[in-house]
Amino acid sequence: PRQFPCTEFTVLRHKTDKYVVHIECRGAVLEPE
């Protein structure tokens, strides 16, 4: 099932290279409008 977008989430990014390593999804899933 869809995990993202959602109402609460944390974006984990590489400090120097700035790419996204992972998204911690929480809360309710938001179906795109």
PDB file of all heavy atoms in Angstrom:
ATOM      1  N   PRO A   1       0.834  -1.208   0.000  1.00  0.00           N
ATOM      2  CA  PRO A   1       0.000   0.000   0.000  1.00  0.00           C
ATOM      3  C   PRO A   1       0.865   1.253   0.000  1.00  0.00           C
ATOM      4  O   PRO A   1       2.070   1.206   0.280  1.00  0.00           O
ATOM      5  CB  PRO A   1      -0.782  -0.129   1.311  1.00  0.00           C
ATOM      6  CG  PRO A   1       0.097  -0.950   2.194  1.00  0.00           C
ATOM      7  CD  PRO A   1       0.806  -1.918   1.285  1.00  0.00           C
ATOM      8  N   ARG A   2       0.243   2.374  -0.311  1.00  0.00           N
ATOM      9  CA  ARG A   2       0.966   3.640  -0.300  1.00  0.00           C
ATOM     10  C   ARG A   2       1.467   3.948   1.118  1.00  0.00           C
ATOM     11  O   ARG A   2       0.746   3.750   2.102  1.00  0.00           O
ATOM     12  CB  ARG A   2       0.057   4.774  -0.779  1.00  0.00           C
ATOM     13  CG  ARG A   2       0.725   6.155  -0.731  1.00  0.00           C
ATOM     14  CD  ARG A   2      -0.206   7.238  -1.188  1.00  0.00           C
ATOM     15  NE  ARG A   2      -0.560   7.096  -2.585  1.00  0.00           N
ATOM     16  CZ  ARG A   2       0.235   7.470  -3.602  1.00  0.00           C
ATOM     17  NH1 ARG A   2       1.434   7.995  -3.336  1.00  0.00           N
ATOM     18  NH2 ARG A   2      -0.161   7.320  -4.846  1.00  0.00           N
ATOM     19  N   GLN A   3       2.698   4.439   1.210  1.00  0.00           N
ATOM     20  CA  GLN A   3       3.266   4.836   2.487  1.00  0.00           C
ATOM     21  C   GLN A   3       3.501   6.342   2.582  1.00  0.00           C
ATOM     22  O   GLN A   3       3.530   6.906   3.675  1.00  0.00           O
ATOM     23  CB  GLN A   3       4.591   4.098   2.719  1.00  0.00           C
ATOM     24  CG  GLN A   3       4.467   2.584   2.725  1.00  0.00           C
ATOM     25  CD  GLN A   3       5.814   1.908   2.864  1.00  0.00           C
ATOM     26  OE1 GLN A   3       6.626   2.283   3.716  1.00  0.00           O
ATOM     27  NE2 GLN A   3       6.082   0.924   2.030  1.00  0.00           N
ATOM     28  N   PHE A   4       3.696   6.965   1.423  1.00  0.00           N
ATOM     29  CA  PHE A   4       3.995   8.400   1.374  1.00  0.00           C
ATOM     30  C   PHE A   4       3.268   9.005   0.191  1.00  0.00           C
ATOM     31  O   PHE A   4       3.132   8.348  -0.842  1.00  0.00           O
ATOM     32  CB  PHE A   4       5.513   8.620   1.231  1.00  0.00           C
ATOM     33  CG  PHE A   4       5.916  10.064   1.293  1.00  0.00           C
ATOM     34  CD1 PHE A   4       6.130  10.691   2.513  1.00  0.00           C
ATOM     35  CD2 PHE A   4       6.076  10.797   0.127  1.00  0.00           C
ATOM     36  CE1 PHE A   4       6.481  12.025   2.571  1.00  0.00           C
ATOM     37  CE2 PHE A   4       6.432  12.132   0.175  1.00  0.00           C
ATOM     38  CZ  PHE A   4       6.641  12.745   1.408  1.00  0.00           C
ATOM     39  N   PRO A   5       2.775  10.231   0.325  1.00  0.00           N
ATOM     40  CA  PRO A   5       2.842  11.194   1.431  1.00  0.00           C
ATOM     41  C   PRO A   5       2.034  10.743   2.648  1.00  0.00           C
ATOM     42  O   PRO A   5       1.129   9.936   2.524  1.00  0.00           O
ATOM     43  CB  PRO A   5       2.262  12.470   0.817  1.00  0.00           C
ATOM     44  CG  PRO A   5       2.279  12.260  -0.667  1.00  0.00           C
ATOM     45  CD  PRO A   5       2.109  10.795  -0.870  1.00  0.00           C
ATOM     46  N   CYS A   6       2.351  11.336   3.790  1.00  0.00           N
ATOM     47  CA  CYS A   6       1.653  11.026   5.030  1.00  0.00           C
ATOM     48  C   CYS A   6       1.669  12.267   5.926  1.00  0.00           C
ATOM     49  O   CYS A   6       2.379  13.232   5.649  1.00  0.00           O
ATOM     50  CB  CYS A   6       2.283   9.830   5.736  1.00  0.00           C
ATOM     51  SG  CYS A   6       4.058   9.942   5.942  1.00  0.00           S
ATOM     52  N   THR A   7       0.878  12.216   6.991  1.00  0.00           N
ATOM     53  CA  THR A   7       0.698  13.410   7.822  1.00  0.00           C
ATOM     54  C   THR A   7       1.914  13.743   8.669  1.00  0.00           C
ATOM     55  O   THR A   7       2.134  14.903   9.024  1.00  0.00           O
ATOM     56  CB  THR A   7      -0.523  13.248   8.730  1.00  0.00           C
ATOM     57  OG1 THR A   7      -0.380  12.037   9.495  1.00  0.00           O
ATOM     58  CG2 THR A   7      -1.803  13.176   7.911  1.00  0.00           C
ATOM     59  N   GLU A   8       2.709  12.753   9.031  1.00  0.00           N
ATOM     60  CA  GLU A   8       3.927  12.983   9.806  1.00  0.00           C
ATOM     61  C   GLU A   8       5.055  12.143   9.220  1.00  0.00           C
ATOM     62  O   GLU A   8       4.861  10.953   8.948  1.00  0.00           O
ATOM     63  CB  GLU A   8       3.713  12.595  11.274  1.00  0.00           C
ATOM     64  CG  GLU A   8       2.629  13.372  11.988  1.00  0.00           C
ATOM     65  CD  GLU A   8       2.440  12.889  13.414  1.00  0.00           C
ATOM     66  OE1 GLU A   8       3.417  12.399  14.011  1.00  0.00           O
ATOM     67  OE2 GLU A   8       1.305  12.976  13.908  1.00  0.00           O
ATOM     68  N   PHE A   9       6.206  12.752   9.036  1.00  0.00           N
ATOM     69  CA  PHE A   9       7.332  11.982   8.485  1.00  0.00           C
ATOM     70  C   PHE A   9       8.645  12.693   8.792  1.00  0.00           C
ATOM     71  O   PHE A   9       8.676  13.891   9.099  1.00  0.00           O
ATOM     72  CB  PHE A   9       7.171  11.786   6.977  1.00  0.00           C
ATOM     73  CG  PHE A   9       7.031  13.047   6.173  1.00  0.00           C
ATOM     74  CD1 PHE A   9       8.126  13.644   5.567  1.00  0.00           C
ATOM     75  CD2 PHE A   9       5.787  13.642   6.003  1.00  0.00           C
ATOM     76  CE1 PHE A   9       8.007  14.794   4.820  1.00  0.00           C
ATOM     77  CE2 PHE A   9       5.640  14.809   5.263  1.00  0.00           C
ATOM     78  CZ  PHE A   9       6.751  15.379   4.662  1.00  0.00           C
ATOM     79  N   THR A  10       9.701  11.926   8.729  1.00  0.00           N
ATOM     80  CA  THR A  10      11.058  12.445   8.932  1.00  0.00           C
ATOM     81  C   THR A  10      11.889  12.099   7.706  1.00  0.00           C
ATOM     82  O   THR A  10      11.917  10.940   7.273  1.00  0.00           O
ATOM     83  CB  THR A  10      11.715  11.826  10.177  1.00  0.00           C
ATOM     84  OG1 THR A  10      10.923  12.122  11.326  1.00  0.00           O
ATOM     85  CG2 THR A  10      13.122  12.375  10.380  1.00  0.00           C
ATOM     86  N   VAL A  11      12.533  13.099   7.134  1.00  0.00           N
ATOM     87  CA  VAL A  11      13.402  12.901   5.976  1.00  0.00           C
ATOM     88  C   VAL A  11      14.844  12.795   6.458  1.00  0.00           C
ATOM     89  O   VAL A  11      15.358  13.714   7.104  1.00  0.00           O
ATOM     90  CB  VAL A  11      13.265  14.044   4.955  1.00  0.00           C
ATOM     91  CG1 VAL A  11      14.233  13.841   3.789  1.00  0.00           C
ATOM     92  CG2 VAL A  11      11.830  14.138   4.449  1.00  0.00           C
ATOM     93  N   LEU A  12      15.483  11.676   6.155  1.00  0.00           N
ATOM     94  CA  LEU A  12      16.883  11.455   6.507  1.00  0.00           C
ATOM     95  C   LEU A  12      17.728  11.742   5.269  1.00  0.00           C
ATOM     96  O   LEU A  12      17.546  11.097   4.230  1.00  0.00           O
ATOM     97  CB  LEU A  12      17.120  10.013   6.976  1.00  0.00           C
ATOM     98  CG  LEU A  12      16.709   9.642   8.402  1.00  0.00           C
ATOM     99  CD1 LEU A  12      15.206   9.793   8.608  1.00  0.00           C
ATOM    100  CD2 LEU A  12      17.128   8.203   8.718  1.00  0.00           C
ATOM    101  N   ARG A  13      18.637  12.723   5.398  1.00  0.00           N
ATOM    102  CA  ARG A  13      19.473  13.110   4.263  1.00  0.00           C
ATOM    103  C   ARG A  13      20.944  13.039   4.636  1.00  0.00           C
ATOM    104  O   ARG A  13      21.329  13.253   5.793  1.00  0.00           O
ATOM    105  CB  ARG A  13      19.147  14.544   3.812  1.00  0.00           C
ATOM    106  CG  ARG A  13      17.724  14.759   3.386  1.00  0.00           C
ATOM    107  CD  ARG A  13      17.484  16.199   2.968  1.00  0.00           C
ATOM    108  NE  ARG A  13      18.088  16.512   1.679  1.00  0.00           N
ATOM    109  CZ  ARG A  13      18.158  17.727   1.160  1.00  0.00           C
ATOM    110  NH1 ARG A  13      17.710  18.765   1.850  1.00  0.00           N
ATOM    111  NH2 ARG A  13      18.700  17.927  -0.011  1.00  0.00           N
ATOM    112  N   HIS A  14      21.767  12.740   3.623  1.00  0.00           N
ATOM    113  CA  HIS A  14      23.213  12.741   3.818  1.00  0.00           C
ATOM    114  C   HIS A  14      23.664  14.177   4.081  1.00  0.00           C
ATOM    115  O   HIS A  14      23.301  15.094   3.338  1.00  0.00           O
ATOM    116  CB  HIS A  14      23.913  12.177   2.581  1.00  0.00           C
ATOM    117  CG  HIS A  14      25.345  11.832   2.794  1.00  0.00           C
ATOM    118  ND1 HIS A  14      26.319  12.792   2.853  1.00  0.00           N
ATOM    119  CD2 HIS A  14      25.967  10.635   2.977  1.00  0.00           C
ATOM    120  CE1 HIS A  14      27.502  12.209   3.043  1.00  0.00           C
ATOM    121  NE2 HIS A  14      27.302  10.898   3.133  1.00  0.00           N
ATOM    122  N   LYS A  15      24.428  14.368   5.132  1.00  0.00           N
ATOM    123  CA  LYS A  15      24.774  15.720   5.583  1.00  0.00           C
ATOM    124  C   LYS A  15      25.554  16.517   4.543  1.00  0.00           C
ATOM    125  O   LYS A  15      25.349  17.729   4.387  1.00  0.00           O
ATOM    126  CB  LYS A  15      25.587  15.636   6.885  1.00  0.00           C
ATOM    127  CG  LYS A  15      25.818  16.990   7.567  1.00  0.00           C
ATOM    128  CD  LYS A  15      26.642  16.838   8.826  1.00  0.00           C
ATOM    129  CE  LYS A  15      25.893  16.098   9.902  1.00  0.00           C
ATOM    130  NZ  LYS A  15      24.761  16.896  10.472  1.00  0.00           N
ATOM    131  N   THR A  16      26.454  15.860   3.814  1.00  0.00           N
ATOM    132  CA  THR A  16      27.291  16.590   2.856  1.00  0.00           C
ATOM    133  C   THR A  16      26.809  16.436   1.417  1.00  0.00           C
ATOM    134  O   THR A  16      26.814  17.396   0.653  1.00  0.00           O
ATOM    135  CB  THR A  16      28.753  16.125   2.956  1.00  0.00           C
ATOM    136  OG1 THR A  16      28.817  14.696   2.770  1.00  0.00           O
ATOM    137  CG2 THR A  16      29.330  16.462   4.320  1.00  0.00           C
ATOM    138  N   ASP A  17      26.385  15.227   1.041  1.00  0.00           N
ATOM    139  CA  ASP A  17      25.964  14.994  -0.343  1.00  0.00           C
ATOM    140  C   ASP A  17      24.510  15.366  -0.589  1.00  0.00           C
ATOM    141  O   ASP A  17      24.080  15.476  -1.742  1.00  0.00           O
ATOM    142  CB  ASP A  17      26.187  13.527  -0.724  1.00  0.00           C
ATOM    143  CG  ASP A  17      27.665  13.162  -0.711  1.00  0.00           C
ATOM    144  OD1 ASP A  17      28.500  14.090  -0.808  1.00  0.00           O
ATOM    145  OD2 ASP A  17      27.992  11.964  -0.599  1.00  0.00           O
ATOM    146  N   LYS A  18      23.730  15.517   0.493  1.00  0.00           N
ATOM    147  CA  LYS A  18      22.360  16.041   0.454  1.00  0.00           C
ATOM    148  C   LYS A  18      21.323  15.122  -0.188  1.00  0.00           C
ATOM    149  O   LYS A  18      20.178  15.535  -0.383  1.00  0.00           O
ATOM    150  CB  LYS A  18      22.320  17.410  -0.259  1.00  0.00           C
ATOM    151  CG  LYS A  18      23.170  18.476   0.411  1.00  0.00           C
ATOM    152  CD  LYS A  18      22.764  18.680   1.869  1.00  0.00           C
ATOM    153  CE  LYS A  18      23.588  19.750   2.554  1.00  0.00           C
ATOM    154  NZ  LYS A  18      23.247  19.900   3.979  1.00  0.00           N
ATOM    155  N   TYR A  19      21.678  13.906  -0.548  1.00  0.00           N
ATOM    156  CA  TYR A  19      20.669  13.016  -1.112  1.00  0.00           C
ATOM    157  C   TYR A  19      19.838  12.387   0.004  1.00  0.00           C
ATOM    158  O   TYR A  19      20.280  12.278   1.148  1.00  0.00           O
ATOM    159  CB  TYR A  19      21.304  11.932  -1.986  1.00  0.00           C
ATOM    160  CG  TYR A  19      22.220  10.968  -1.249  1.00  0.00           C
ATOM    161  CD1 TYR A  19      21.707   9.849  -0.598  1.00  0.00           C
ATOM    162  CD2 TYR A  19      23.592  11.171  -1.236  1.00  0.00           C
ATOM    163  CE1 TYR A  19      22.539   8.959   0.068  1.00  0.00           C
ATOM    164  CE2 TYR A  19      24.435  10.295  -0.572  1.00  0.00           C
ATOM    165  CZ  TYR A  19      23.899   9.193   0.072  1.00  0.00           C
ATOM    166  OH  TYR A  19      24.729   8.318   0.728  1.00  0.00           O
ATOM    167  N   VAL A  20      18.613  11.988  -0.318  1.00  0.00           N
ATOM    168  CA  VAL A  20      17.716  11.378   0.664  1.00  0.00           C
ATOM    169  C   VAL A  20      18.087   9.919   0.866  1.00  0.00           C
ATOM    170  O   VAL A  20      18.150   9.144  -0.092  1.00  0.00           O
ATOM    171  CB  VAL A  20      16.249  11.499   0.216  1.00  0.00           C
ATOM    172  CG1 VAL A  20      15.325  10.740   1.181  1.00  0.00           C
ATOM    173  CG2 VAL A  20      15.832  12.957   0.139  1.00  0.00           C
ATOM    174  N   VAL A  21      18.335   9.557   2.112  1.00  0.00           N
ATOM    175  CA  VAL A  21      18.671   8.180   2.459  1.00  0.00           C
ATOM    176  C   VAL A  21      17.412   7.373   2.762  1.00  0.00           C
ATOM    177  O   VAL A  21      17.276   6.221   2.349  1.00  0.00           O
ATOM    178  CB  VAL A  21      19.617   8.149   3.686  1.00  0.00           C
ATOM    179  CG1 VAL A  21      19.916   6.714   4.103  1.00  0.00           C
ATOM    180  CG2 VAL A  21      20.914   8.899   3.377  1.00  0.00           C
ATOM    181  N   HIS A  22      16.466   8.004   3.453  1.00  0.00           N
ATOM    182  CA  HIS A  22      15.269   7.274   3.875  1.00  0.00           C
ATOM    183  C   HIS A  22      14.214   8.271   4.332  1.00  0.00           C
ATOM    184  O   HIS A  22      14.529   9.402   4.734  1.00  0.00           O
ATOM    185  CB  HIS A  22      15.634   6.321   5.023  1.00  0.00           C
ATOM    186  CG  HIS A  22      14.493   5.500   5.531  1.00  0.00           C
ATOM    187  ND1 HIS A  22      13.733   4.674   4.721  1.00  0.00           N
ATOM    188  CD2 HIS A  22      13.974   5.377   6.785  1.00  0.00           C
ATOM    189  CE1 HIS A  22      12.816   4.078   5.447  1.00  0.00           C
ATOM    190  NE2 HIS A  22      12.922   4.489   6.692  1.00  0.00           N
ATOM    191  N   ILE A  23      12.946   7.851   4.255  1.00  0.00           N
ATOM    192  CA  ILE A  23      11.849   8.625   4.825  1.00  0.00           C
ATOM    193  C   ILE A  23      11.152   7.756   5.872  1.00  0.00           C
ATOM    194  O   ILE A  23      10.701   6.644   5.559  1.00  0.00           O
ATOM    195  CB  ILE A  23      10.826   9.062   3.758  1.00  0.00           C
ATOM    196  CG1 ILE A  23      11.496   9.958   2.711  1.00  0.00           C
ATOM    197  CG2 ILE A  23       9.667   9.810   4.405  1.00  0.00           C
ATOM    198  CD1 ILE A  23      10.565  10.392   1.604  1.00  0.00           C
ATOM    199  N   GLU A  24      11.101   8.247   7.093  1.00  0.00           N
ATOM    200  CA  GLU A  24      10.374   7.551   8.158  1.00  0.00           C
ATOM    201  C   GLU A  24       8.934   8.049   8.135  1.00  0.00           C
ATOM    202  O   GLU A  24       8.656   9.200   8.466  1.00  0.00           O
ATOM    203  CB  GLU A  24      11.022   7.823   9.518  1.00  0.00           C
ATOM    204  CG  GLU A  24      12.439   7.261   9.637  1.00  0.00           C
ATOM    205  CD  GLU A  24      13.093   7.617  10.967  1.00  0.00           C
ATOM    206  OE1 GLU A  24      12.517   8.460  11.711  1.00  0.00           O
ATOM    207  OE2 GLU A  24      14.176   7.086  11.251  1.00  0.00           O
ATOM    208  N   CYS A  25       8.028   7.184   7.720  1.00  0.00           N
ATOM    209  CA  CYS A  25       6.624   7.566   7.553  1.00  0.00           C
ATOM    210  C   CYS A  25       5.824   7.255   8.816  1.00  0.00           C
ATOM    211  O   CYS A  25       5.906   6.150   9.363  1.00  0.00           O
ATOM    212  CB  CYS A  25       6.022   6.813   6.366  1.00  0.00           C
ATOM    213  SG  CYS A  25       6.856   7.135   4.795  1.00  0.00           S
ATOM    214  N   ARG A  26       5.033   8.245   9.262  1.00  0.00           N
ATOM    215  CA  ARG A  26       4.174   8.064  10.428  1.00  0.00           C
ATOM    216  C   ARG A  26       2.825   8.731  10.145  1.00  0.00           C
ATOM    217  O   ARG A  26       2.625   9.326   9.097  1.00  0.00           O
ATOM    218  CB  ARG A  26       4.816   8.706  11.669  1.00  0.00           C
ATOM    219  CG  ARG A  26       6.181   8.139  12.038  1.00  0.00           C
ATOM    220  CD  ARG A  26       6.727   8.789  13.304  1.00  0.00           C
ATOM    221  NE  ARG A  26       6.897  10.224  13.164  1.00  0.00           N
ATOM    222  CZ  ARG A  26       7.948  10.797  12.581  1.00  0.00           C
ATOM    223  NH1 ARG A  26       8.925  10.060  12.082  1.00  0.00           N
ATOM    224  NH2 ARG A  26       8.034  12.119  12.494  1.00  0.00           N
ATOM    225  N   GLY A  27       1.928   8.618  11.097  1.00  0.00           N
ATOM    226  CA  GLY A  27       0.631   9.253  10.942  1.00  0.00           C
ATOM    227  C   GLY A  27      -0.219   8.558   9.889  1.00  0.00           C
ATOM    228  O   GLY A  27      -0.055   7.379   9.598  1.00  0.00           O
ATOM    229  N   ALA A  28      -1.134   9.337   9.288  1.00  0.00           N
ATOM    230  CA  ALA A  28      -2.057   8.806   8.285  1.00  0.00           C
ATOM    231  C   ALA A  28      -1.514   9.053   6.878  1.00  0.00           C
ATOM    232  O   ALA A  28      -0.881  10.073   6.603  1.00  0.00           O
ATOM    233  CB  ALA A  28      -3.423   9.472   8.438  1.00  0.00           C
ATOM    234  N   VAL A  29      -1.783   8.105   6.005  1.00  0.00           N
ATOM    235  CA  VAL A  29      -1.367   8.247   4.604  1.00  0.00           C
ATOM    236  C   VAL A  29      -2.230   9.310   3.927  1.00  0.00           C
ATOM    237  O   VAL A  29      -3.450   9.375   4.151  1.00  0.00           O
ATOM    238  CB  VAL A  29      -1.498   6.900   3.860  1.00  0.00           C
ATOM    239  CG1 VAL A  29      -1.282   7.090   2.364  1.00  0.00           C
ATOM    240  CG2 VAL A  29      -0.511   5.899   4.424  1.00  0.00           C
ATOM    241  N   LEU A  30      -1.610  10.153   3.112  1.00  0.00           N
ATOM    242  CA  LEU A  30      -2.314  11.187   2.352  1.00  0.00           C
ATOM    243  C   LEU A  30      -2.369  10.773   0.877  1.00  0.00           C
ATOM    244  O   LEU A  30      -1.334  10.762   0.193  1.00  0.00           O
ATOM    245  CB  LEU A  30      -1.593  12.530   2.472  1.00  0.00           C
ATOM    246  CG  LEU A  30      -1.576  13.192   3.851  1.00  0.00           C
ATOM    247  CD1 LEU A  30      -0.631  14.393   3.839  1.00  0.00           C
ATOM    248  CD2 LEU A  30      -2.988  13.620   4.259  1.00  0.00           C
ATOM    249  N   GLU A  31      -3.536  10.408   0.411  1.00  0.00           N
ATOM    250  CA  GLU A  31      -3.675  10.105  -1.010  1.00  0.00           C
ATOM    251  C   GLU A  31      -3.545  11.411  -1.798  1.00  0.00           C
ATOM    252  O   GLU A  31      -4.190  12.410  -1.451  1.00  0.00           O
ATOM    253  CB  GLU A  31      -5.022   9.454  -1.301  1.00  0.00           C
ATOM    254  CG  GLU A  31      -5.106   7.994  -0.901  1.00  0.00           C
ATOM    255  CD  GLU A  31      -4.182   7.108  -1.735  1.00  0.00           C
ATOM    256  OE1 GLU A  31      -3.878   7.482  -2.889  1.00  0.00           O
ATOM    257  OE2 GLU A  31      -3.764   6.058  -1.209  1.00  0.00           O
ATOM    258  N   PRO A  32      -2.709  11.449  -2.833  1.00  0.00           N
ATOM    259  CA  PRO A  32      -2.556  12.680  -3.611  1.00  0.00           C
ATOM    260  C   PRO A  32      -3.897  13.166  -4.160  1.00  0.00           C
ATOM    261  O   PRO A  32      -4.700  12.378  -4.665  1.00  0.00           O
ATOM    262  CB  PRO A  32      -1.602  12.265  -4.733  1.00  0.00           C
ATOM    263  CG  PRO A  32      -0.843  11.105  -4.170  1.00  0.00           C
ATOM    264  CD  PRO A  32      -1.807  10.375  -3.305  1.00  0.00           C
ATOM    265  N   GLU A  33      -4.139  14.472  -4.032  1.00  0.00           N
ATOM    266  CA  GLU A  33      -5.407  15.055  -4.490  1.00  0.00           C
ATOM    267  C   GLU A  33      -5.565  14.953  -6.001  1.00  0.00           C
ATOM    268  O   GLU A  33      -6.639  14.644  -6.506  1.00  0.00           O
ATOM    269  CB  GLU A  33      -5.473  16.526  -4.079  1.00  0.00           C
ATOM    270  CG  GLU A  33      -5.517  16.768  -2.594  1.00  0.00           C
ATOM    271  CD  GLU A  33      -5.647  18.244  -2.275  1.00  0.00           C
ATOM    272  OE1 GLU A  33      -4.972  19.071  -2.928  1.00  0.00           O
ATOM    273  OE2 GLU A  33      -6.424  18.563  -1.374  1.00  0.00           O
TER     274      GLU A  33
END
